[in-house]
Amino acid sequence: MGTASVTIRVDESTKQAVSAIAEDFGFDISSITRAFYKQIEREHRIPLTLEYPKPNKESLESIREADEIARNGGPTYASAKEMFEAMGV
């Protein structure tokens, strides 16, 4: 069985970030890519989880606090710019 080359274009910052993570686990990008292809072949599916990140505990508490302030008649803003203007920044 022969081998084939695959060229993937990504921006430089993504490549560097992925390389650093792969190297932290003792791999290079080519090894990770081969493993990903093998997993697709083995499972007959694309093993990706596509979802937005969930807020952490601190963020959820901040959201709850902001909602409470708004409910209690505190100031609300349509944009960050509007908020900063109200603060005089």
PDB file of N, CA and C in Angstrom:
ATOM      1  N   MET A   1       0.843  -1.171   0.000  1.00  0.00           N
ATOM      2  CA  MET A   1       0.000   0.000   0.000  1.00  0.00           C
ATOM      3  C   MET A   1       0.889   1.235   0.000  1.00  0.00           C
ATOM      4  N   GLY A   2       0.640   2.133  -0.950  1.00  0.00           N
ATOM      5  CA  GLY A   2       1.421   3.352  -1.042  1.00  0.00           C
ATOM      6  C   GLY A   2       0.880   4.435  -0.137  1.00  0.00           C
ATOM      7  N   THR A   3       1.592   5.528  -0.102  1.00  0.00           N
ATOM      8  CA  THR A   3       1.137   6.663   0.705  1.00  0.00           C
ATOM      9  C   THR A   3       0.768   7.813  -0.221  1.00  0.00           C
ATOM     10  N   ALA A   4      -0.058   8.698   0.272  1.00  0.00           N
ATOM     11  CA  ALA A   4      -0.458   9.884  -0.474  1.00  0.00           C
ATOM     12  C   ALA A   4      -0.226  11.100   0.401  1.00  0.00           C
ATOM     13  N   SER A   5       0.048  12.217  -0.231  1.00  0.00           N
ATOM     14  CA  SER A   5       0.234  13.472   0.498  1.00  0.00           C
ATOM     15  C   SER A   5      -1.083  14.222   0.546  1.00  0.00           C
ATOM     16  N   VAL A   6      -1.290  14.917   1.649  1.00  0.00           N
ATOM     17  CA  VAL A   6      -2.464  15.765   1.818  1.00  0.00           C
ATOM     18  C   VAL A   6      -1.955  17.136   2.228  1.00  0.00           C
ATOM     19  N   THR A   7      -2.428  18.164   1.550  1.00  0.00           N
ATOM     20  CA  THR A   7      -2.057  19.531   1.886  1.00  0.00           C
ATOM     21  C   THR A   7      -3.257  20.197   2.539  1.00  0.00           C
ATOM     22  N   ILE A   8      -3.042  20.786   3.691  1.00  0.00           N
ATOM     23  CA  ILE A   8      -4.109  21.463   4.423  1.00  0.00           C
ATOM     24  C   ILE A   8      -3.673  22.903   4.646  1.00  0.00           C
ATOM     25  N   ARG A   9      -4.537  23.834   4.312  1.00  0.00           N
ATOM     26  CA  ARG A   9      -4.220  25.247   4.516  1.00  0.00           C
ATOM     27  C   ARG A   9      -4.951  25.767   5.748  1.00  0.00           C
ATOM     28  N   VAL A  10      -4.191  26.297   6.679  1.00  0.00           N
ATOM     29  CA  VAL A  10      -4.747  26.960   7.869  1.00  0.00           C
ATOM     30  C   VAL A  10      -3.900  28.194   8.139  1.00  0.00           C
ATOM     31  N   ASP A  11      -4.451  29.120   8.895  1.00  0.00           N
ATOM     32  CA  ASP A  11      -3.671  30.310   9.212  1.00  0.00           C
ATOM     33  C   ASP A  11      -2.526  29.921  10.156  1.00  0.00           C
ATOM     34  N   GLU A  12      -1.486  30.720  10.137  1.00  0.00           N
ATOM     35  CA  GLU A  12      -0.262  30.411  10.880  1.00  0.00           C
ATOM     36  C   GLU A  12      -0.500  30.287  12.381  1.00  0.00           C
ATOM     37  N   SER A  13      -1.346  31.145  12.942  1.00  0.00           N
ATOM     38  CA  SER A  13      -1.562  31.089  14.390  1.00  0.00           C
ATOM     39  C   SER A  13      -2.258  29.793  14.795  1.00  0.00           C
ATOM     40  N   THR A  14      -3.189  29.314  13.969  1.00  0.00           N
ATOM     41  CA  THR A  14      -3.851  28.029  14.249  1.00  0.00           C
ATOM     42  C   THR A  14      -2.833  26.899  14.183  1.00  0.00           C
ATOM     43  N   LYS A  15      -1.997  26.918  13.158  1.00  0.00           N
ATOM     44  CA  LYS A  15      -0.976  25.878  13.010  1.00  0.00           C
ATOM     45  C   LYS A  15      -0.048  25.848  14.224  1.00  0.00           C
ATOM     46  N   GLN A  16       0.391  27.011  14.672  1.00  0.00           N
ATOM     47  CA  GLN A  16       1.302  27.075  15.812  1.00  0.00           C
ATOM     48  C   GLN A  16       0.629  26.585  17.091  1.00  0.00           C
ATOM     49  N   ALA A  17      -0.637  26.965  17.291  1.00  0.00           N
ATOM     50  CA  ALA A  17      -1.365  26.539  18.490  1.00  0.00           C
ATOM     51  C   ALA A  17      -1.556  25.027  18.503  1.00  0.00           C
ATOM     52  N   VAL A  18      -1.950  24.468  17.353  1.00  0.00           N
ATOM     53  CA  VAL A  18      -2.164  23.022  17.256  1.00  0.00           C
ATOM     54  C   VAL A  18      -0.838  22.279  17.417  1.00  0.00           C
ATOM     55  N   SER A  19       0.219  22.798  16.825  1.00  0.00           N
ATOM     56  CA  SER A  19       1.541  22.170  16.955  1.00  0.00           C
ATOM     57  C   SER A  19       1.973  22.116  18.419  1.00  0.00           C
ATOM     58  N   ALA A  20       1.757  23.204  19.138  1.00  0.00           N
ATOM     59  CA  ALA A  20       2.151  23.248  20.555  1.00  0.00           C
ATOM     60  C   ALA A  20       1.375  22.220  21.369  1.00  0.00           C
ATOM     61  N   ILE A  21       0.076  22.096  21.115  1.00  0.00           N
ATOM     62  CA  ILE A  21      -0.733  21.113  21.837  1.00  0.00           C
ATOM     63  C   ILE A  21      -0.293  19.702  21.484  1.00  0.00           C
ATOM     64  N   ALA A  22      -0.109  19.440  20.200  1.00  0.00           N
ATOM     65  CA  ALA A  22       0.323  18.105  19.761  1.00  0.00           C
ATOM     66  C   ALA A  22       1.666  17.745  20.402  1.00  0.00           C
ATOM     67  N   GLU A  23       2.609  18.674  20.382  1.00  0.00           N
ATOM     68  CA  GLU A  23       3.934  18.422  20.946  1.00  0.00           C
ATOM     69  C   GLU A  23       3.867  18.188  22.451  1.00  0.00           C
ATOM     70  N   ASP A  24       2.938  18.868  23.117  1.00  0.00           N
ATOM     71  CA  ASP A  24       2.768  18.669  24.554  1.00  0.00           C
ATOM     72  C   ASP A  24       2.386  17.218  24.867  1.00  0.00           C
ATOM     73  N   PHE A  25       1.689  16.583  23.924  1.00  0.00           N
ATOM     74  CA  PHE A  25       1.311  15.177  24.079  1.00  0.00           C
ATOM     75  C   PHE A  25       2.319  14.233  23.435  1.00  0.00           C
ATOM     76  N   GLY A  26       3.390  14.777  22.874  1.00  0.00           N
ATOM     77  CA  GLY A  26       4.429  13.949  22.285  1.00  0.00           C
ATOM     78  C   GLY A  26       4.176  13.576  20.836  1.00  0.00           C
ATOM     79  N   PHE A  27       3.314  14.324  20.142  1.00  0.00           N
ATOM     80  CA  PHE A  27       2.995  14.050  18.742  1.00  0.00           C
ATOM     81  C   PHE A  27       3.396  15.221  17.868  1.00  0.00           C
ATOM     82  N   ASP A  28       3.370  14.975  16.556  1.00  0.00           N
ATOM     83  CA  ASP A  28       3.481  16.070  15.600  1.00  0.00           C
ATOM     84  C   ASP A  28       2.152  16.150  14.847  1.00  0.00           C
ATOM     85  N   ILE A  29       1.976  17.210  14.061  1.00  0.00           N
ATOM     86  CA  ILE A  29       0.700  17.406  13.367  1.00  0.00           C
ATOM     87  C   ILE A  29       0.414  16.264  12.395  1.00  0.00           C
ATOM     88  N   SER A  30       1.422  15.758  11.723  1.00  0.00           N
ATOM     89  CA  SER A  30       1.202  14.659  10.775  1.00  0.00           C
ATOM     90  C   SER A  30       0.660  13.424  11.480  1.00  0.00           C
ATOM     91  N   SER A  31       1.199  13.107  12.645  1.00  0.00           N
ATOM     92  CA  SER A  31       0.712  11.945  13.405  1.00  0.00           C
ATOM     93  C   SER A  31      -0.738  12.137  13.833  1.00  0.00           C
ATOM     94  N   ILE A  32      -1.064  13.333  14.284  1.00  0.00           N
ATOM     95  CA  ILE A  32      -2.438  13.632  14.703  1.00  0.00           C
ATOM     96  C   ILE A  32      -3.384  13.513  13.503  1.00  0.00           C
ATOM     97  N   THR A  33      -2.961  14.038  12.360  1.00  0.00           N
ATOM     98  CA  THR A  33      -3.796  13.982  11.157  1.00  0.00           C
ATOM     99  C   THR A  33      -4.018  12.536  10.718  1.00  0.00           C
ATOM    100  N   ARG A  34      -2.954  11.729  10.731  1.00  0.00           N
ATOM    101  CA  ARG A  34      -3.103  10.309  10.371  1.00  0.00           C
ATOM    102  C   ARG A  34      -4.056   9.600  11.323  1.00  0.00           C
ATOM    103  N   ALA A  35      -3.934   9.877  12.611  1.00  0.00           N
ATOM    104  CA  ALA A  35      -4.822   9.255  13.599  1.00  0.00           C
ATOM    105  C   ALA A  35      -6.270   9.675  13.355  1.00  0.00           C
ATOM    106  N   PHE A  36      -6.480  10.947  13.013  1.00  0.00           N
ATOM    107  CA  PHE A  36      -7.825  11.437  12.730  1.00  0.00           C
ATOM    108  C   PHE A  36      -8.405  10.715  11.503  1.00  0.00           C
ATOM    109  N   TYR A  37      -7.627  10.589  10.454  1.00  0.00           N
ATOM    110  CA  TYR A  37      -8.083   9.882   9.247  1.00  0.00           C
ATOM    111  C   TYR A  37      -8.412   8.428   9.569  1.00  0.00           C
ATOM    112  N   LYS A  38      -7.556   7.777  10.350  1.00  0.00           N
ATOM    113  CA  LYS A  38      -7.812   6.373  10.718  1.00  0.00           C
ATOM    114  C   LYS A  38      -9.095   6.241  11.525  1.00  0.00           C
ATOM    115  N   GLN A  39      -9.352   7.197  12.414  1.00  0.00           N
ATOM    116  CA  GLN A  39     -10.576   7.160  13.206  1.00  0.00           C
ATOM    117  C   GLN A  39     -11.802   7.325  12.304  1.00  0.00           C
ATOM    118  N   ILE A  40     -11.739   8.214  11.324  1.00  0.00           N
ATOM    119  CA  ILE A  40     -12.838   8.375  10.370  1.00  0.00           C
ATOM    120  C   ILE A  40     -13.077   7.058   9.638  1.00  0.00           C
ATOM    121  N   GLU A  41     -12.000   6.442   9.170  1.00  0.00           N
ATOM    122  CA  GLU A  41     -12.107   5.167   8.445  1.00  0.00           C
ATOM    123  C   GLU A  41     -12.702   4.076   9.337  1.00  0.00           C
ATOM    124  N   ARG A  42     -12.235   3.990  10.560  1.00  0.00           N
ATOM    125  CA  ARG A  42     -12.669   2.940  11.481  1.00  0.00           C
ATOM    126  C   ARG A  42     -14.127   3.104  11.900  1.00  0.00           C
ATOM    127  N   GLU A  43     -14.537   4.343  12.175  1.00  0.00           N
ATOM    128  CA  GLU A  43     -15.874   4.604  12.715  1.00  0.00           C
ATOM    129  C   GLU A  43     -16.910   4.941  11.643  1.00  0.00           C
ATOM    130  N   HIS A  44     -16.452   5.161  10.414  1.00  0.00           N
ATOM    131  CA  HIS A  44     -17.351   5.538   9.319  1.00  0.00           C
ATOM    132  C   HIS A  44     -18.162   6.786   9.663  1.00  0.00           C
ATOM    133  N   ARG A  45     -17.502   7.732  10.280  1.00  0.00           N
ATOM    134  CA  ARG A  45     -18.116   9.010  10.624  1.00  0.00           C
ATOM    135  C   ARG A  45     -17.005  10.034  10.822  1.00  0.00           C
ATOM    136  N   ILE A  46     -17.370  11.302  10.850  1.00  0.00           N
ATOM    137  CA  ILE A  46     -16.400  12.359  11.143  1.00  0.00           C
ATOM    138  C   ILE A  46     -16.517  12.663  12.628  1.00  0.00           C
ATOM    139  N   PRO A  47     -15.507  12.295  13.398  1.00  0.00           N
ATOM    140  CA  PRO A  47     -15.589  12.409  14.865  1.00  0.00           C
ATOM    141  C   PRO A  47     -15.333  13.819  15.381  1.00  0.00           C
ATOM    142  N   LEU A  48     -16.278  14.706  15.139  1.00  0.00           N
ATOM    143  CA  LEU A  48     -16.164  16.080  15.606  1.00  0.00           C
ATOM    144  C   LEU A  48     -17.350  16.406  16.501  1.00  0.00           C
ATOM    145  N   THR A  49     -17.111  17.186  17.506  1.00  0.00           N
ATOM    146  CA  THR A  49     -18.180  17.725  18.327  1.00  0.00           C
ATOM    147  C   THR A  49     -18.261  19.210  18.026  1.00  0.00           C
ATOM    148  N   LEU A  50     -19.348  19.610  17.407  1.00  0.00           N
ATOM    149  CA  LEU A  50     -19.509  21.001  17.045  1.00  0.00           C
ATOM    150  C   LEU A  50     -20.514  21.635  18.002  1.00  0.00           C
ATOM    151  N   GLU A  51     -19.993  22.439  18.915  1.00  0.00           N
ATOM    152  CA  GLU A  51     -20.849  23.143  19.863  1.00  0.00           C
ATOM    153  C   GLU A  51     -20.109  24.363  20.362  1.00  0.00           C
ATOM    154  N   TYR A  52     -20.868  25.317  20.820  1.00  0.00           N
ATOM    155  CA  TYR A  52     -20.252  26.498  21.412  1.00  0.00           C
ATOM    156  C   TYR A  52     -19.763  26.134  22.809  1.00  0.00           C
ATOM    157  N   PRO A  53     -18.659  26.726  23.234  1.00  0.00           N
ATOM    158  CA  PRO A  53     -18.173  26.452  24.589  1.00  0.00           C
ATOM    159  C   PRO A  53     -19.209  26.868  25.630  1.00  0.00           C
ATOM    160  N   LYS A  54     -19.288  26.114  26.691  1.00  0.00           N
ATOM    161  CA  LYS A  54     -20.203  26.436  27.777  1.00  0.00           C
ATOM    162  C   LYS A  54     -19.486  27.379  28.750  1.00  0.00           C
ATOM    163  N   PRO A  55     -20.216  28.383  29.257  1.00  0.00           N
ATOM    164  CA  PRO A  55     -19.567  29.302  30.198  1.00  0.00           C
ATOM    165  C   PRO A  55     -19.153  28.590  31.491  1.00  0.00           C
ATOM    166  N   ASN A  56     -18.036  29.009  32.055  1.00  0.00           N
ATOM    167  CA  ASN A  56     -17.580  28.414  33.317  1.00  0.00           C
ATOM    168  C   ASN A  56     -18.398  28.975  34.476  1.00  0.00           C
ATOM    169  N   LYS A  57     -18.145  28.469  35.672  1.00  0.00           N
ATOM    170  CA  LYS A  57     -18.912  28.842  36.862  1.00  0.00           C
ATOM    171  C   LYS A  57     -18.864  30.352  37.109  1.00  0.00           C
ATOM    172  N   GLU A  58     -17.685  30.944  36.988  1.00  0.00           N
ATOM    173  CA  GLU A  58     -17.529  32.380  37.227  1.00  0.00           C
ATOM    174  C   GLU A  58     -18.357  33.200  36.231  1.00  0.00           C
ATOM    175  N   SER A  59     -18.334  32.793  34.959  1.00  0.00           N
ATOM    176  CA  SER A  59     -19.118  33.503  33.946  1.00  0.00           C
ATOM    177  C   SER A  59     -20.609  33.372  34.202  1.00  0.00           C
ATOM    178  N   LEU A  60     -21.046  32.158  34.557  1.00  0.00           N
ATOM    179  CA  LEU A  60     -22.465  31.954  34.856  1.00  0.00           C
ATOM    180  C   LEU A  60     -22.911  32.831  36.025  1.00  0.00           C
ATOM    181  N   GLU A  61     -22.057  32.975  37.034  1.00  0.00           N
ATOM    182  CA  GLU A  61     -22.380  33.826  38.184  1.00  0.00           C
ATOM    183  C   GLU A  61     -22.467  35.291  37.752  1.00  0.00           C
ATOM    184  N   SER A  62     -21.566  35.722  36.871  1.00  0.00           N
ATOM    185  CA  SER A  62     -21.601  37.098  36.376  1.00  0.00           C
ATOM    186  C   SER A  62     -22.866  37.360  35.569  1.00  0.00           C
ATOM    187  N   ILE A  63     -23.266  36.389  34.756  1.00  0.00           N
ATOM    188  CA  ILE A  63     -24.496  36.521  33.972  1.00  0.00           C
ATOM    189  C   ILE A  63     -25.698  36.626  34.909  1.00  0.00           C
ATOM    190  N   ARG A  64     -25.732  35.776  35.940  1.00  0.00           N
ATOM    191  CA  ARG A  64     -26.829  35.793  36.908  1.00  0.00           C
ATOM    192  C   ARG A  64     -26.878  37.151  37.615  1.00  0.00           C
ATOM    193  N   GLU A  65     -25.712  37.655  37.998  1.00  0.00           N
ATOM    194  CA  GLU A  65     -25.639  38.944  38.690  1.00  0.00           C
ATOM    195  C   GLU A  65     -26.120  40.081  37.787  1.00  0.00           C
ATOM    196  N   ALA A  66     -25.724  40.068  36.522  1.00  0.00           N
ATOM    197  CA  ALA A  66     -26.156  41.107  35.581  1.00  0.00           C
ATOM    198  C   ALA A  66     -27.666  41.052  35.370  1.00  0.00           C
ATOM    199  N   ASP A  67     -28.214  39.846  35.243  1.00  0.00           N
ATOM    200  CA  ASP A  67     -29.666  39.692  35.094  1.00  0.00           C
ATOM    201  C   ASP A  67     -30.397  40.260  36.314  1.00  0.00           C
ATOM    202  N   GLU A  68     -29.854  39.994  37.497  1.00  0.00           N
ATOM    203  CA  GLU A  68     -30.472  40.485  38.737  1.00  0.00           C
ATOM    204  C   GLU A  68     -30.436  42.018  38.793  1.00  0.00           C
ATOM    205  N   ILE A  69     -29.322  42.601  38.419  1.00  0.00           N
ATOM    206  CA  ILE A  69     -29.199  44.064  38.399  1.00  0.00           C
ATOM    207  C   ILE A  69     -30.237  44.657  37.454  1.00  0.00           C
ATOM    208  N   ALA A  70     -30.388  44.072  36.268  1.00  0.00           N
ATOM    209  CA  ALA A  70     -31.353  44.570  35.287  1.00  0.00           C
ATOM    210  C   ALA A  70     -32.782  44.425  35.807  1.00  0.00           C
ATOM    211  N   ARG A  71     -33.091  43.297  36.439  1.00  0.00           N
ATOM    212  CA  ARG A  71     -34.439  43.073  36.984  1.00  0.00           C
ATOM    213  C   ARG A  71     -34.777  44.073  38.086  1.00  0.00           C
ATOM    214  N   ASN A  72     -33.781  44.483  38.852  1.00  0.00           N
ATOM    215  CA  ASN A  72     -33.998  45.389  39.978  1.00  0.00           C
ATOM    216  C   ASN A  72     -33.924  46.854  39.575  1.00  0.00           C
ATOM    217  N   GLY A  73     -33.985  47.123  38.277  1.00  0.00           N
ATOM    218  CA  GLY A  73     -34.019  48.504  37.806  1.00  0.00           C
ATOM    219  C   GLY A  73     -32.665  49.145  37.617  1.00  0.00           C
ATOM    220  N   GLY A  74     -31.618  48.356  37.689  1.00  0.00           N
ATOM    221  CA  GLY A  74     -30.279  48.898  37.459  1.00  0.00           C
ATOM    222  C   GLY A  74     -30.116  49.290  36.003  1.00  0.00           C
ATOM    223  N   PRO A  75     -29.066  49.990  35.683  1.00  0.00           N
ATOM    224  CA  PRO A  75     -28.884  50.437  34.305  1.00  0.00           C
ATOM    225  C   PRO A  75     -28.677  49.247  33.354  1.00  0.00           C
ATOM    226  N   THR A  76     -29.193  49.382  32.152  1.00  0.00           N
ATOM    227  CA  THR A  76     -28.964  48.396  31.092  1.00  0.00           C
ATOM    228  C   THR A  76     -28.422  49.142  29.882  1.00  0.00           C
ATOM    229  N   TYR A  77     -27.710  48.449  29.019  1.00  0.00           N
ATOM    230  CA  TYR A  77     -27.076  49.069  27.872  1.00  0.00           C
ATOM    231  C   TYR A  77     -27.298  48.202  26.642  1.00  0.00           C
ATOM    232  N   ALA A  78     -27.428  48.856  25.502  1.00  0.00           N
ATOM    233  CA  ALA A  78     -27.622  48.142  24.245  1.00  0.00           C
ATOM    234  C   ALA A  78     -26.304  47.640  23.675  1.00  0.00           C
ATOM    235  N   SER A  79     -25.191  48.212  24.136  1.00  0.00           N
ATOM    236  CA  SER A  79     -23.881  47.802  23.610  1.00  0.00           C
ATOM    237  C   SER A  79     -22.802  48.121  24.646  1.00  0.00           C
ATOM    238  N   ALA A  80     -21.653  47.539  24.441  1.00  0.00           N
ATOM    239  CA  ALA A  80     -20.517  47.828  25.320  1.00  0.00           C
ATOM    240  C   ALA A  80     -20.115  49.296  25.174  1.00  0.00           C
ATOM    241  N   LYS A  81     -20.198  49.806  23.956  1.00  0.00           N
ATOM    242  CA  LYS A  81     -19.854  51.211  23.722  1.00  0.00           C
ATOM    243  C   LYS A  81     -20.748  52.128  24.564  1.00  0.00           C
ATOM    244  N   GLU A  82     -22.045  51.834  24.568  1.00  0.00           N
ATOM    245  CA  GLU A  82     -22.991  52.629  25.356  1.00  0.00           C
ATOM    246  C   GLU A  82     -22.650  52.557  26.850  1.00  0.00           C
ATOM    247  N   MET A  83     -22.273  51.376  27.322  1.00  0.00           N
ATOM    248  CA  MET A  83     -21.911  51.225  28.728  1.00  0.00           C
ATOM    249  C   MET A  83     -20.677  52.052  29.070  1.00  0.00           C
ATOM    250  N   PHE A  84     -19.649  51.976  28.229  1.00  0.00           N
ATOM    251  CA  PHE A  84     -18.427  52.731  28.491  1.00  0.00           C
ATOM    252  C   PHE A  84     -18.674  54.230  28.434  1.00  0.00           C
ATOM    253  N   GLU A  85     -19.547  54.669  27.520  1.00  0.00           N
ATOM    254  CA  GLU A  85     -19.894  56.092  27.457  1.00  0.00           C
ATOM    255  C   GLU A  85     -20.571  56.529  28.755  1.00  0.00           C
ATOM    256  N   ALA A  86     -21.467  55.692  29.283  1.00  0.00           N
ATOM    257  CA  ALA A  86     -22.154  56.025  30.542  1.00  0.00           C
ATOM    258  C   ALA A  86     -21.166  56.108  31.693  1.00  0.00           C
ATOM    259  N   MET A  87     -20.084  55.340  31.609  1.00  0.00           N
ATOM    260  CA  MET A  87     -19.060  55.342  32.664  1.00  0.00           C
ATOM    261  C   MET A  87     -18.064  56.489  32.466  1.00  0.00           C
ATOM    262  N   GLY A  88     -18.175  57.194  31.334  1.00  0.00           N
ATOM    263  CA  GLY A  88     -17.253  58.287  31.064  1.00  0.00           C
ATOM    264  C   GLY A  88     -15.907  57.828  30.564  1.00  0.00           C
ATOM    265  N   VAL A  89     -15.861  56.630  30.018  1.00  0.00           N
ATOM    266  CA  VAL A  89     -14.583  56.091  29.513  1.00  0.00           C
ATOM    267  C   VAL A  89     -14.456  56.354  28.040  1.00  0.00           C
TER     268      VAL A  89
END
